[in-house]
Amino acid sequence: MSKKIKIVLLSGVRENGKNMYAVEVNDEIYILDIGLQYPDNDLYGIDVVVPDMTYIKQNIDKVVGIFLSHGHADAIGALPYLIGDYDIPVFGSEMTIELAKIVCFNDKRSKKFDNFHVIDESTAIDFDEATVSFFKTTHSIPGSLGIVVKTTEGQIVYTGDFKFDQAAVPTYKTDYARIAKIGDEKVLALLSDSANAESPYENSSERDIYEYILDTFSYHNGRIIVAQVASNIQRMQQVMDAADKTDHRVYLSGTDAEKILKTAMKLGYLKIPNENLLVNTQELKDIDQNKLVVIETGRMGEPIKLLQKMANPAAKTKFQIVEGDLVFIATTPSHAMDTTFAKTRDAIYRTGAEVKSLGDEKHSSGHANKSDLQLMINLLTPENVVPIQGEYRLLDAHAKIAHETGIPYQNIFLTKKGDVLNYENGQFYQGKGVDAGDTMIDGIGVGDIGSIVLRDRELLAEDGVFIAVATIDRKKKKVVAKPKITARGFVYMRASRDLLSESSDIIVDTIVDYLQNSKDFDWSDLKQGVRDKLNHFLYEQTNRHPVILPVIMEVNQNRHRKSKN
């Protein structure tokens, strides 16, 4: 009897990061990655975004495990928001599991979770409905693995983040033979990384990138500030090796760097070339600043925004960017960060410092380009291709790339979040979707920030707030005193006295009209009436829509009379 197979695209399609996919075989669900996304500039106040896990929670009894491809936040960052409530076994390479433990330990939801299982490329795990195995891939972090869910009908292959580098060192080298062996058997569907699908350029070899970093350090006389993602272990090693070769000392700055560094060192994936290379905080003031390399990893893995603060003399940061510094940006920001990146470079130049970006000189992506994607398809020979991890234009580019290898367009699925691919009678088709979307994390709040709150935050950022305080006497049906008005981020109050005076009159007229003509008094109706009238008037006068907060109080009608003796 044939098995019922579904591929559920919970997240990670038509967007960058936040990978989460599920393969469902009969009554077993295999979760492939569970990542987060750092917010775009328009998500005011949001810390991170994680996948909507409604479908998984509704079918939690079917979940047999979470299988992690690598240790970056886009693959492991949302773990606490599921395993904090459910004891689901988590599988990953040694490095991936150690980083997952850090993520979980730092979150009170999952602090005590301990159902982790270390696997490697030679591991195969038998479940009732399928066997899960792994293959070694090349990415910017050691321990990166592709994942195979093998059923009696055929295999579902998930690449995770990958690229091919023929000159990769053994720790990062792809197991081509293993991939080809997987391709010798029937591959029903390939879920493949699309993040770099538009690039027509070959990725630079990591050996070439190291030589470029070494040359950069050799020819600069002055302090060097390196901005990089903390979990890019390969880049961290290259920077440290280059610093050592050029007689620099290294200071690690950033909330994540030290934990990740210690983990990588413990596992032998990062080697400090010189025991005197690292500088602690106490030593900083005593060493030659012209021979100092500061590795700045920023908050939550995002160093670019912190660089902007470091370039601002008024900001309070441990390091200030000054004339003579070289700021070496060793990370490739996402498209959502383009504006921030440009502003940051401009701010750095204003200080008199020099800026070099690795992405300007080398094609240093950790993701597969066109030829890599086609090689993966040719090695695996899948019947169907599902482009994942990327905005729509990247998924579409990947579809064209796959078609060039001979995959028919009807066997290439451009999906969106919540889409479900069903396998039946030897082919996949798109079935009924499931609930899927974004869950906003703001402080300790999970999912309590919706579109209305975000809209209010956007209005506050763009047009400010207008607060009107009035006191009424319901019995006499009048406003007791002239309303007090406060505005922030809307207009300069001293220069807008006429506007504020007219606004005050509108508030009084609206309240009196309501008190005299409404049959049933309702506080909400009264406030909404004031809000509507003010909104119309203020937009006519200023072409702005501030957030209007009417505060209406009532005088005490039950004052105690002074008692007579």
Protein backbone atom coordinates (compact mmCIF):
# COMPACT_ATOMS: atom_id res chain seq x y z
CA MET A 1 0.00 0.00 0.00
CA SER A 2 1.42 3.41 -1.04
CA LYS A 3 2.24 5.95 1.64
CA LYS A 4 0.48 9.30 1.96
CA ILE A 5 3.18 11.97 1.61
CA LYS A 6 2.90 15.73 2.12
CA ILE A 7 5.42 18.55 1.98
CA VAL A 8 4.22 21.50 4.08
CA LEU A 9 5.87 24.88 3.42
CA LEU A 10 5.46 26.49 6.84
CA SER A 11 7.96 29.30 6.29
CA GLY A 12 11.10 30.23 4.35
CA VAL A 13 9.49 30.82 0.94
CA ARG A 14 9.04 34.28 -0.62
CA GLU A 15 11.24 35.66 2.16
CA ASN A 16 14.83 35.54 3.40
CA GLY A 17 15.52 33.27 6.36
CA LYS A 18 13.04 31.80 8.84
CA ASN A 19 13.30 28.31 7.38
CA MET A 20 10.74 25.75 8.53
CA TYR A 21 9.41 22.89 6.45
CA ALA A 22 7.60 19.69 7.31
CA VAL A 23 7.51 16.34 5.55
CA GLU A 24 4.47 14.29 6.53
CA VAL A 25 4.49 10.55 5.81
CA ASN A 26 1.24 8.88 6.85
CA ASP A 27 0.96 9.76 10.56
CA GLU A 28 4.52 11.00 11.12
CA ILE A 29 5.76 14.58 10.73
CA TYR A 30 9.45 15.38 10.24
CA ILE A 31 10.28 19.06 10.84
CA LEU A 32 13.20 20.37 8.77
CA ASP A 33 14.76 23.42 10.48
CA ILE A 34 12.98 25.92 12.69
CA GLY A 35 14.54 29.34 12.17
CA LEU A 36 13.85 32.99 12.83
CA GLN A 37 14.20 36.19 10.86
CA TYR A 38 15.53 39.57 11.96
CA PRO A 39 12.90 42.23 11.29
CA ASP A 40 12.81 44.69 8.40
CA ASN A 41 12.98 48.40 9.17
CA ASP A 42 9.19 48.77 9.00
CA LEU A 43 8.55 46.32 11.85
CA TYR A 44 8.84 48.94 14.57
CA GLY A 45 9.95 47.56 17.94
CA ILE A 46 9.87 43.92 16.87
CA ASP A 47 12.85 41.88 18.09
CA VAL A 48 12.56 38.84 15.82
CA VAL A 49 10.01 37.10 13.61
CA VAL A 50 9.36 33.34 13.89
CA PRO A 51 7.12 31.00 11.88
CA ASP A 52 3.47 30.50 12.72
CA MET A 53 3.47 27.04 14.30
CA THR A 54 -0.31 26.56 14.46
CA TYR A 55 -0.29 23.55 12.12
CA ILE A 56 2.49 21.82 14.04
CA LYS A 57 0.81 22.41 17.39
CA GLN A 58 -2.50 21.10 16.04
CA ASN A 59 -0.69 17.92 14.93
CA ILE A 60 1.91 17.71 17.68
CA ASP A 61 1.22 14.01 18.35
CA LYS A 62 2.46 13.21 14.83
CA VAL A 63 5.80 15.03 15.19
CA VAL A 64 8.68 12.54 15.54
CA GLY A 65 11.55 14.99 15.50
CA ILE A 66 13.12 18.31 14.51
CA PHE A 67 16.07 17.90 12.12
CA LEU A 68 18.50 20.83 11.87
CA SER A 69 20.65 21.51 8.82
CA HIS A 70 23.10 23.95 10.42
CA GLY A 71 23.64 26.29 13.37
CA HIS A 72 22.64 29.70 12.02
CA ALA A 73 19.66 31.59 13.41
CA ASP A 74 17.65 31.06 10.20
CA ALA A 75 17.72 27.33 10.95
CA ILE A 76 17.68 27.04 14.77
CA GLY A 77 16.57 30.43 16.16
CA ALA A 78 12.87 29.60 16.70
CA LEU A 79 13.49 26.37 18.65
CA PRO A 80 12.48 27.85 22.05
CA TYR A 81 9.04 28.78 20.73
CA LEU A 82 8.14 25.14 20.10
CA ILE A 83 10.23 22.95 22.39
CA GLY A 84 9.46 25.24 25.30
CA ASP A 85 5.99 23.66 25.29
CA TYR A 86 6.60 20.23 23.75
CA ASP A 87 9.29 17.62 24.37
CA ILE A 88 10.29 16.88 20.78
CA PRO A 89 13.65 15.23 20.02
CA VAL A 90 16.06 17.56 18.20
CA PHE A 91 18.72 16.16 15.82
CA GLY A 92 21.76 17.93 14.39
CA SER A 93 25.53 17.81 13.99
CA GLU A 94 27.76 18.35 17.01
CA MET A 95 28.31 22.03 16.24
CA THR A 96 24.65 22.64 15.41
CA ILE A 97 23.44 21.03 18.63
CA GLU A 98 25.88 23.02 20.76
CA LEU A 99 24.65 26.27 19.22
CA ALA A 100 21.04 25.13 19.59
CA LYS A 101 21.70 24.53 23.29
CA ILE A 102 22.95 28.13 23.63
CA VAL A 103 19.78 29.42 21.93
CA CYS A 104 17.56 27.34 24.20
CA PHE A 105 19.47 28.03 27.41
CA ASN A 106 19.19 31.80 26.81
CA ASP A 107 15.39 31.60 26.65
CA LYS A 108 13.42 30.85 29.81
CA ARG A 109 10.84 28.91 27.77
CA SER A 110 13.35 26.23 26.86
CA LYS A 111 16.06 26.65 29.49
CA LYS A 112 15.55 23.13 30.89
CA PHE A 113 15.05 21.33 27.57
CA ASP A 114 17.56 18.52 27.07
CA ASN A 115 16.21 16.21 24.35
CA PHE A 116 19.12 16.83 21.94
CA HIS A 117 20.70 14.15 19.75
CA VAL A 118 24.03 14.52 17.93
CA ILE A 119 24.20 12.92 14.48
CA ASP A 120 26.61 13.14 11.54
CA GLU A 121 26.73 12.39 7.82
CA SER A 122 26.91 8.64 8.44
CA THR A 123 23.81 8.52 10.69
CA ALA A 124 20.54 6.94 9.57
CA ILE A 125 17.52 7.01 11.89
CA ASP A 126 14.69 4.53 11.30
CA PHE A 127 11.14 5.61 12.09
CA ASP A 128 7.94 3.70 11.42
CA GLU A 129 7.19 5.47 8.14
CA ALA A 130 10.59 6.69 6.92
CA THR A 131 14.35 6.72 7.45
CA VAL A 132 16.12 10.03 7.98
CA SER A 133 19.76 10.33 6.92
CA PHE A 134 22.20 13.17 6.21
CA PHE A 135 24.94 14.33 3.84
CA LYS A 136 27.79 16.77 4.36
CA THR A 137 27.55 20.20 2.71
CA THR A 138 29.68 23.35 2.46
CA HIS A 139 28.46 26.49 4.22
CA SER A 140 30.04 29.23 6.35
CA ILE A 141 29.65 27.20 9.53
CA PRO A 142 31.01 23.70 10.26
CA GLY A 143 28.64 20.79 10.71
CA SER A 144 26.26 21.82 7.91
CA LEU A 145 24.21 18.90 6.62
CA GLY A 146 21.61 18.16 3.98
CA ILE A 147 18.71 15.98 5.13
CA VAL A 148 17.09 13.00 3.39
CA VAL A 149 13.66 11.59 4.31
CA LYS A 150 13.51 8.18 2.63
CA THR A 151 10.15 6.44 2.19
CA THR A 152 9.06 3.37 0.27
CA GLU A 153 7.81 5.72 -2.47
CA GLY A 154 11.12 7.55 -2.80
CA GLN A 155 13.20 10.25 -1.11
CA ILE A 156 12.57 13.86 -0.12
CA VAL A 157 15.89 15.77 -0.05
CA TYR A 158 16.41 19.07 1.77
CA THR A 159 19.72 20.81 1.02
CA GLY A 160 19.70 23.39 3.82
CA ASP A 161 22.05 26.33 3.08
CA PHE A 162 24.86 25.16 0.81
CA LYS A 163 27.39 26.01 -1.86
CA PHE A 164 30.12 24.07 -3.64
CA ASP A 165 33.78 25.00 -3.11
CA GLN A 166 36.27 22.69 -4.78
CA ALA A 167 39.10 24.08 -2.62
CA ALA A 168 37.26 23.84 0.72
CA VAL A 169 39.27 22.59 3.68
CA PRO A 170 38.23 19.13 4.97
CA THR A 171 36.03 20.51 7.77
CA TYR A 172 33.84 22.26 5.21
CA LYS A 173 34.15 19.93 2.22
CA THR A 174 30.99 18.61 0.51
CA ASP A 175 30.55 14.83 0.26
CA TYR A 176 29.95 14.61 -3.49
CA ALA A 177 30.01 10.82 -3.50
CA ARG A 178 27.26 10.62 -0.90
CA ILE A 179 25.07 13.05 -2.86
CA ALA A 180 25.57 11.06 -6.06
CA LYS A 181 24.69 7.86 -4.19
CA ILE A 182 21.43 9.44 -2.96
CA GLY A 183 20.73 10.34 -6.58
CA ASP A 184 21.14 6.69 -7.63
CA GLU A 185 17.82 6.01 -5.90
CA LYS A 186 14.49 7.67 -6.62
CA VAL A 187 14.34 11.30 -5.45
CA LEU A 188 10.72 12.40 -5.40
CA ALA A 189 11.42 16.04 -4.55
CA LEU A 190 14.37 18.35 -3.93
CA LEU A 191 13.88 21.30 -1.55
CA SER A 192 16.82 23.49 -2.52
CA ASP A 193 18.36 26.78 -1.29
CA SER A 194 17.55 29.76 -3.58
CA ALA A 195 19.14 32.64 -1.64
CA ASN A 196 21.85 33.27 -4.29
CA ALA A 197 19.99 32.02 -7.37
CA GLU A 198 20.13 35.40 -9.17
CA SER A 199 23.91 35.64 -9.01
CA PRO A 200 25.62 34.93 -12.37
CA TYR A 201 29.04 34.93 -10.69
CA GLU A 202 31.04 32.06 -9.33
CA ASN A 203 31.51 32.16 -5.57
CA SER A 204 35.04 33.02 -4.56
CA SER A 205 37.02 30.21 -2.99
CA GLU A 206 37.46 30.62 0.75
CA ARG A 207 41.20 30.34 0.17
CA ASP A 208 41.03 33.40 -2.10
CA ILE A 209 38.96 35.25 0.48
CA TYR A 210 41.59 34.56 3.14
CA GLU A 211 44.32 35.97 0.89
CA TYR A 212 42.22 39.08 0.32
CA ILE A 213 41.72 39.60 4.07
CA LEU A 214 45.45 39.07 4.66
CA ASP A 215 46.35 41.69 2.02
CA THR A 216 43.83 44.14 3.52
CA PHE A 217 45.35 43.79 6.98
CA SER A 218 48.92 44.01 5.65
CA TYR A 219 48.50 47.36 3.91
CA HIS A 220 46.55 49.28 6.54
CA ASN A 221 48.41 51.25 9.18
CA GLY A 222 45.89 51.78 11.93
CA ARG A 223 43.14 50.13 13.91
CA ILE A 224 40.91 47.67 12.04
CA ILE A 225 37.27 47.10 12.97
CA VAL A 226 35.83 43.95 11.41
CA ALA A 227 32.04 43.65 11.23
CA GLN A 228 30.93 40.06 10.85
CA VAL A 229 28.22 37.63 11.93
CA ALA A 230 29.27 35.79 15.08
CA SER A 231 28.23 32.38 13.79
CA ASN A 232 30.32 32.60 10.60
CA ILE A 233 33.07 30.45 12.09
CA GLN A 234 35.01 30.21 8.84
CA ARG A 235 35.25 33.98 8.51
CA MET A 236 36.23 34.27 12.18
CA GLN A 237 39.10 31.83 11.59
CA GLN A 238 40.27 33.74 8.51
CA VAL A 239 40.26 37.07 10.36
CA MET A 240 42.20 35.62 13.30
CA ASP A 241 44.77 33.95 11.03
CA ALA A 242 45.25 37.18 9.07
CA ALA A 243 45.59 39.20 12.28
CA ASP A 244 48.22 36.80 13.58
CA LYS A 245 50.20 36.89 10.32
CA THR A 246 50.26 40.70 10.37
CA ASP A 247 51.23 40.99 14.07
CA HIS A 248 47.86 42.34 15.23
CA ARG A 249 46.05 41.57 18.46
CA VAL A 250 42.31 40.72 18.44
CA TYR A 251 39.49 41.92 20.66
CA LEU A 252 36.09 40.22 20.41
CA SER A 253 33.11 42.52 20.87
CA GLY A 254 29.47 41.46 20.78
CA THR A 255 26.98 39.61 22.91
CA ASP A 256 27.12 36.36 20.93
CA ALA A 257 30.78 36.20 19.95
CA GLU A 258 32.33 34.80 23.12
CA LYS A 259 29.87 31.91 23.58
CA ILE A 260 30.09 30.87 19.94
CA LEU A 261 33.87 31.21 19.94
CA LYS A 262 34.24 29.01 23.02
CA THR A 263 31.89 26.41 21.52
CA ALA A 264 33.80 26.30 18.23
CA MET A 265 37.13 26.07 20.07
CA LYS A 266 35.88 23.29 22.35
CA LEU A 267 34.84 21.23 19.34
CA GLY A 268 38.07 21.92 17.44
CA TYR A 269 36.43 23.91 14.65
CA LEU A 270 38.21 27.16 15.55
CA LYS A 271 41.88 27.32 16.40
CA ILE A 272 43.51 30.38 17.96
CA PRO A 273 46.86 30.59 16.10
CA ASN A 274 48.67 32.35 18.94
CA GLU A 275 47.92 32.13 22.67
CA ASN A 276 48.64 35.88 23.00
CA LEU A 277 46.38 36.84 20.08
CA LEU A 278 43.22 37.65 22.04
CA VAL A 279 43.03 40.80 24.13
CA ASN A 280 40.79 41.16 27.16
CA THR A 281 39.10 44.38 28.24
CA GLN A 282 41.71 45.19 30.86
CA GLU A 283 44.53 45.03 28.30
CA LEU A 284 42.87 47.29 25.73
CA LYS A 285 44.28 50.59 26.97
CA ASP A 286 47.85 49.28 27.18
CA ILE A 287 48.32 47.95 23.64
CA ASP A 288 49.22 49.74 20.41
CA GLN A 289 45.86 50.73 18.86
CA ASN A 290 47.44 50.64 15.39
CA LYS A 291 47.95 46.92 15.90
CA LEU A 292 44.44 46.13 17.12
CA VAL A 293 41.72 44.24 15.27
CA VAL A 294 38.26 44.56 16.80
CA ILE A 295 35.84 41.85 15.68
CA GLU A 296 32.41 43.42 16.12
CA THR A 297 29.51 40.96 15.91
CA GLY A 298 26.79 43.25 17.23
CA ARG A 299 23.56 42.32 18.95
CA MET A 300 21.66 39.19 17.90
CA GLY A 301 24.13 38.55 15.08
CA GLU A 302 23.55 41.91 13.36
CA PRO A 303 26.74 44.07 13.30
CA ILE A 304 25.71 46.71 10.72
CA LYS A 305 23.33 48.67 12.95
CA LEU A 306 25.94 48.81 15.70
CA LEU A 307 28.50 50.25 13.27
CA GLN A 308 26.14 53.18 12.72
CA LYS A 309 26.19 53.89 16.45
CA MET A 310 29.98 53.54 16.58
CA ALA A 311 30.22 56.23 13.89
CA ASN A 312 28.11 58.62 15.98
CA PRO A 313 30.24 60.58 18.48
CA ALA A 314 27.19 61.16 20.69
CA ALA A 315 26.34 57.44 21.00
CA LYS A 316 27.57 55.48 23.99
CA THR A 317 29.50 52.47 22.65
CA LYS A 318 32.64 50.71 23.79
CA PHE A 319 34.44 51.71 20.58
CA GLN A 320 34.08 54.91 18.55
CA ILE A 321 35.05 54.88 14.88
CA VAL A 322 37.65 57.64 14.36
CA GLU A 323 39.84 59.02 11.61
CA GLY A 324 42.50 56.50 10.59
CA ASP A 325 40.38 53.42 11.32
CA LEU A 326 39.61 50.83 8.68
CA VAL A 327 36.12 49.38 8.94
CA PHE A 328 36.18 46.02 7.16
CA ILE A 329 32.67 44.67 6.57
CA ALA A 330 33.04 40.91 6.29
CA THR A 331 29.35 40.09 5.99
CA THR A 332 26.83 40.43 3.17
CA PRO A 333 23.74 42.26 4.50
CA SER A 334 20.29 41.11 3.38
CA HIS A 335 18.37 43.18 0.82
CA ALA A 336 16.19 44.48 3.65
CA MET A 337 19.31 46.13 5.09
CA ASP A 338 20.37 47.94 1.87
CA THR A 339 19.25 51.39 3.05
CA THR A 340 20.74 50.91 6.52
CA PHE A 341 23.98 49.63 4.95
CA ALA A 342 24.29 52.69 2.69
CA LYS A 343 23.62 55.08 5.59
CA THR A 344 26.15 53.24 7.74
CA ARG A 345 28.90 53.54 5.13
CA ASP A 346 28.17 57.25 4.77
CA ALA A 347 28.30 57.77 8.55
CA ILE A 348 31.66 55.97 8.73
CA TYR A 349 33.17 58.08 5.96
CA ARG A 350 32.08 61.24 7.84
CA THR A 351 34.37 60.21 10.71
CA GLY A 352 37.37 60.15 8.39
CA ALA A 353 37.65 56.36 8.57
CA GLU A 354 38.01 54.08 5.57
CA VAL A 355 35.42 51.45 4.64
CA LYS A 356 36.03 48.20 2.76
CA SER A 357 33.35 45.61 2.15
CA LEU A 358 34.22 42.05 1.31
CA GLY A 359 31.12 41.88 -0.90
CA ASP A 360 32.46 44.70 -3.12
CA GLU A 361 35.61 42.81 -3.99
CA LYS A 362 34.68 39.14 -3.73
CA HIS A 363 31.57 37.07 -4.35
CA SER A 364 31.53 35.61 -0.90
CA SER A 365 28.04 34.22 -0.46
CA GLY A 366 27.55 31.09 1.61
CA HIS A 367 24.73 30.09 -0.75
CA ALA A 368 24.70 28.26 -4.08
CA ASN A 369 24.88 30.20 -7.34
CA LYS A 370 23.46 29.04 -10.69
CA SER A 371 26.10 26.43 -11.49
CA ASP A 372 26.00 25.06 -7.92
CA LEU A 373 22.22 24.68 -8.05
CA GLN A 374 22.40 22.90 -11.39
CA LEU A 375 25.16 20.59 -10.16
CA MET A 376 23.04 19.63 -7.14
CA ILE A 377 20.10 18.86 -9.43
CA ASN A 378 22.26 16.81 -11.81
CA LEU A 379 23.78 14.80 -8.95
CA LEU A 380 20.40 14.03 -7.35
CA THR A 381 18.26 13.80 -10.53
CA PRO A 382 15.00 14.67 -8.69
CA GLU A 383 11.59 14.22 -10.27
CA ASN A 384 10.38 17.49 -8.73
CA VAL A 385 12.11 20.66 -7.54
CA VAL A 386 10.79 22.98 -4.83
CA PRO A 387 12.83 26.21 -4.63
CA ILE A 388 12.97 27.48 -1.03
CA GLN A 389 14.75 30.15 1.02
CA GLY A 390 14.40 33.36 -0.92
CA GLU A 391 12.09 36.10 -2.06
CA TYR A 392 9.82 35.35 -5.02
CA ARG A 393 12.25 36.62 -7.66
CA LEU A 394 14.91 34.24 -6.30
CA LEU A 395 12.53 31.28 -6.30
CA ASP A 396 11.57 32.17 -9.88
CA ALA A 397 15.24 32.40 -10.92
CA HIS A 398 15.83 29.00 -9.35
CA ALA A 399 12.85 27.59 -11.29
CA LYS A 400 14.39 28.76 -14.58
CA ILE A 401 17.75 27.29 -13.54
CA ALA A 402 16.11 23.94 -12.76
CA HIS A 403 14.24 23.98 -16.08
CA GLU A 404 17.55 24.41 -17.94
CA THR A 405 18.66 21.05 -16.52
CA GLY A 406 15.60 19.36 -18.05
CA ILE A 407 13.08 19.52 -15.21
CA PRO A 408 9.62 20.30 -16.72
CA TYR A 409 7.97 23.45 -15.37
CA GLN A 410 4.99 21.39 -14.19
CA ASN A 411 7.42 19.58 -11.87
CA ILE A 412 8.79 22.81 -10.38
CA PHE A 413 6.70 24.29 -7.58
CA LEU A 414 6.83 28.00 -6.73
CA THR A 415 5.15 28.04 -3.34
CA LYS A 416 4.10 30.46 -0.65
CA LYS A 417 3.83 30.04 3.12
CA GLY A 418 1.12 27.57 4.04
CA ASP A 419 1.15 25.69 0.72
CA VAL A 420 0.95 21.90 0.87
CA LEU A 421 2.26 19.55 -1.82
CA ASN A 422 0.55 16.14 -1.84
CA TYR A 423 2.06 13.05 -3.47
CA GLU A 424 -0.43 10.74 -5.09
CA ASN A 425 -0.40 8.34 -8.08
CA GLY A 426 3.26 9.01 -8.75
CA GLN A 427 3.15 12.80 -8.80
CA PHE A 428 2.93 15.90 -6.61
CA TYR A 429 0.07 18.35 -6.77
CA GLN A 430 -0.84 21.39 -4.71
CA GLY A 431 -3.41 20.53 -2.06
CA LYS A 432 -5.35 22.48 0.52
CA GLY A 433 -3.12 24.91 2.41
CA VAL A 434 -2.65 25.31 6.15
CA ASP A 435 -2.47 28.33 8.46
CA ALA A 436 0.95 29.89 8.16
CA GLY A 437 2.39 33.36 8.55
CA ASP A 438 4.60 35.41 10.81
CA THR A 439 4.66 35.47 14.59
CA MET A 440 6.11 38.70 15.96
CA ILE A 441 8.31 38.56 19.05
CA ASP A 442 8.41 41.79 21.04
CA GLY A 443 10.13 41.46 24.42
CA ILE A 444 8.37 38.65 26.28
CA GLY A 445 5.32 38.88 24.01
CA VAL A 446 4.86 36.09 21.48
CA GLY A 447 2.37 36.77 18.71
CA ASP A 448 0.56 39.54 20.57
CA ILE A 449 1.76 42.18 18.11
CA GLY A 450 -0.53 42.25 15.10
CA SER A 451 -1.07 44.49 12.10
CA ILE A 452 -3.06 47.07 14.09
CA VAL A 453 -0.27 47.57 16.64
CA LEU A 454 2.35 47.74 13.88
CA ARG A 455 0.24 50.29 12.03
CA ASP A 456 0.03 52.43 15.17
CA ARG A 457 3.80 52.19 15.62
CA GLU A 458 4.32 53.23 12.02
CA LEU A 459 2.03 56.23 12.48
CA LEU A 460 3.84 57.20 15.67
CA ALA A 461 7.16 57.04 13.83
CA GLU A 462 5.91 59.01 10.83
CA ASP A 463 3.37 61.53 12.20
CA GLY A 464 3.72 61.49 15.98
CA VAL A 465 1.06 61.53 18.70
CA PHE A 466 -1.65 64.07 19.62
CA ILE A 467 -3.02 63.82 23.18
CA ALA A 468 -6.14 65.73 24.25
CA VAL A 469 -7.27 65.74 27.90
CA ALA A 470 -10.74 67.03 28.78
CA THR A 471 -12.88 67.01 31.93
CA ILE A 472 -16.67 66.86 31.64
CA ASP A 473 -19.68 67.29 33.88
CA ARG A 474 -22.25 64.85 32.61
CA LYS A 475 -25.02 66.21 34.80
CA LYS A 476 -24.61 69.76 33.48
CA LYS A 477 -23.69 68.47 29.99
CA LYS A 478 -20.65 70.65 29.58
CA VAL A 479 -16.86 70.66 29.50
CA VAL A 480 -15.58 71.87 32.86
CA ALA A 481 -12.27 73.37 31.69
CA LYS A 482 -10.48 74.09 28.43
CA PRO A 483 -8.93 70.85 27.11
CA LYS A 484 -5.19 70.40 27.63
CA ILE A 485 -3.37 69.37 24.46
CA THR A 486 0.07 67.77 24.16
CA ALA A 487 1.76 66.77 20.89
CA ARG A 488 4.98 64.82 20.35
CA GLY A 489 6.57 64.28 16.95
CA PHE A 490 3.62 66.01 15.24
CA VAL A 491 4.04 69.79 15.35
CA TYR A 492 6.17 72.20 17.32
CA MET A 493 3.63 73.37 19.89
CA ARG A 494 4.93 76.94 20.44
CA ALA A 495 4.72 77.65 16.71
CA SER A 496 1.28 76.07 16.30
CA ARG A 497 -0.86 77.90 18.83
CA ASP A 498 -3.65 78.65 16.35
CA LEU A 499 -3.86 75.01 15.33
CA LEU A 500 -4.00 73.87 18.95
CA SER A 501 -6.59 76.50 19.86
CA GLU A 502 -8.87 75.44 17.01
CA SER A 503 -8.36 71.80 18.00
CA SER A 504 -9.42 72.67 21.54
CA ASP A 505 -12.62 74.31 20.26
CA ILE A 506 -13.40 71.24 18.13
CA ILE A 507 -12.97 68.97 21.17
CA VAL A 508 -15.34 71.10 23.26
CA ASP A 509 -17.98 71.33 20.49
CA THR A 510 -17.83 67.58 19.83
CA ILE A 511 -18.18 66.66 23.51
CA VAL A 512 -21.03 69.12 24.19
CA ASP A 513 -22.90 67.97 21.08
CA TYR A 514 -22.57 64.35 22.21
CA LEU A 515 -23.67 65.09 25.79
CA GLN A 516 -26.74 67.03 24.67
CA ASN A 517 -27.92 64.76 21.87
CA SER A 518 -26.96 61.17 22.73
CA LYS A 519 -29.61 59.06 24.39
CA ASP A 520 -27.28 56.41 25.81
CA PHE A 521 -23.94 57.63 27.12
CA ASP A 522 -20.98 55.50 26.07
CA TRP A 523 -17.36 56.43 26.80
CA SER A 524 -16.05 54.62 23.71
CA ASP A 525 -18.49 56.40 21.40
CA LEU A 526 -17.59 59.77 22.90
CA LYS A 527 -13.84 59.22 22.50
CA GLN A 528 -14.24 57.89 18.96
CA GLY A 529 -16.29 60.96 18.03
CA VAL A 530 -13.53 63.26 19.30
CA ARG A 531 -10.90 61.16 17.52
CA ASP A 532 -12.77 61.28 14.17
CA LYS A 533 -13.35 65.06 14.28
CA LEU A 534 -9.74 65.78 15.23
CA ASN A 535 -8.36 63.37 12.64
CA HIS A 536 -10.33 65.09 9.86
CA PHE A 537 -9.34 68.60 11.01
CA LEU A 538 -5.64 67.84 11.59
CA TYR A 539 -5.26 66.14 8.21
CA GLU A 540 -6.89 69.14 6.47
CA GLN A 541 -4.44 71.48 8.19
CA THR A 542 -1.23 69.43 8.06
CA ASN A 543 -1.66 66.47 5.67
CA ARG A 544 -0.60 64.23 8.60
CA HIS A 545 -2.32 61.46 10.52
CA PRO A 546 -0.94 61.47 14.07
CA VAL A 547 -2.07 58.88 16.59
CA ILE A 548 -4.86 60.69 18.46
CA LEU A 549 -5.38 59.81 22.11
CA PRO A 550 -8.42 61.49 23.69
CA VAL A 551 -8.43 61.28 27.48
CA ILE A 552 -11.83 62.27 28.93
CA MET A 553 -12.43 62.44 32.68
CA GLU A 554 -15.54 63.13 34.69
CA VAL A 555 -15.83 65.42 37.71
CA ASN A 556 -16.95 63.59 40.84
CA GLN A 557 -20.71 63.94 41.14
CA ASN A 558 -20.80 62.39 44.61
CA ARG A 559 -18.66 64.72 46.68
CA HIS A 560 -19.22 64.27 50.39
CA ARG A 561 -20.84 67.28 52.00
CA LYS A 562 -19.18 68.64 55.05
CA SER A 563 -21.04 67.23 58.07
CA LYS A 564 -22.62 69.57 60.49
CA ASN A 565 -22.19 69.16 64.26
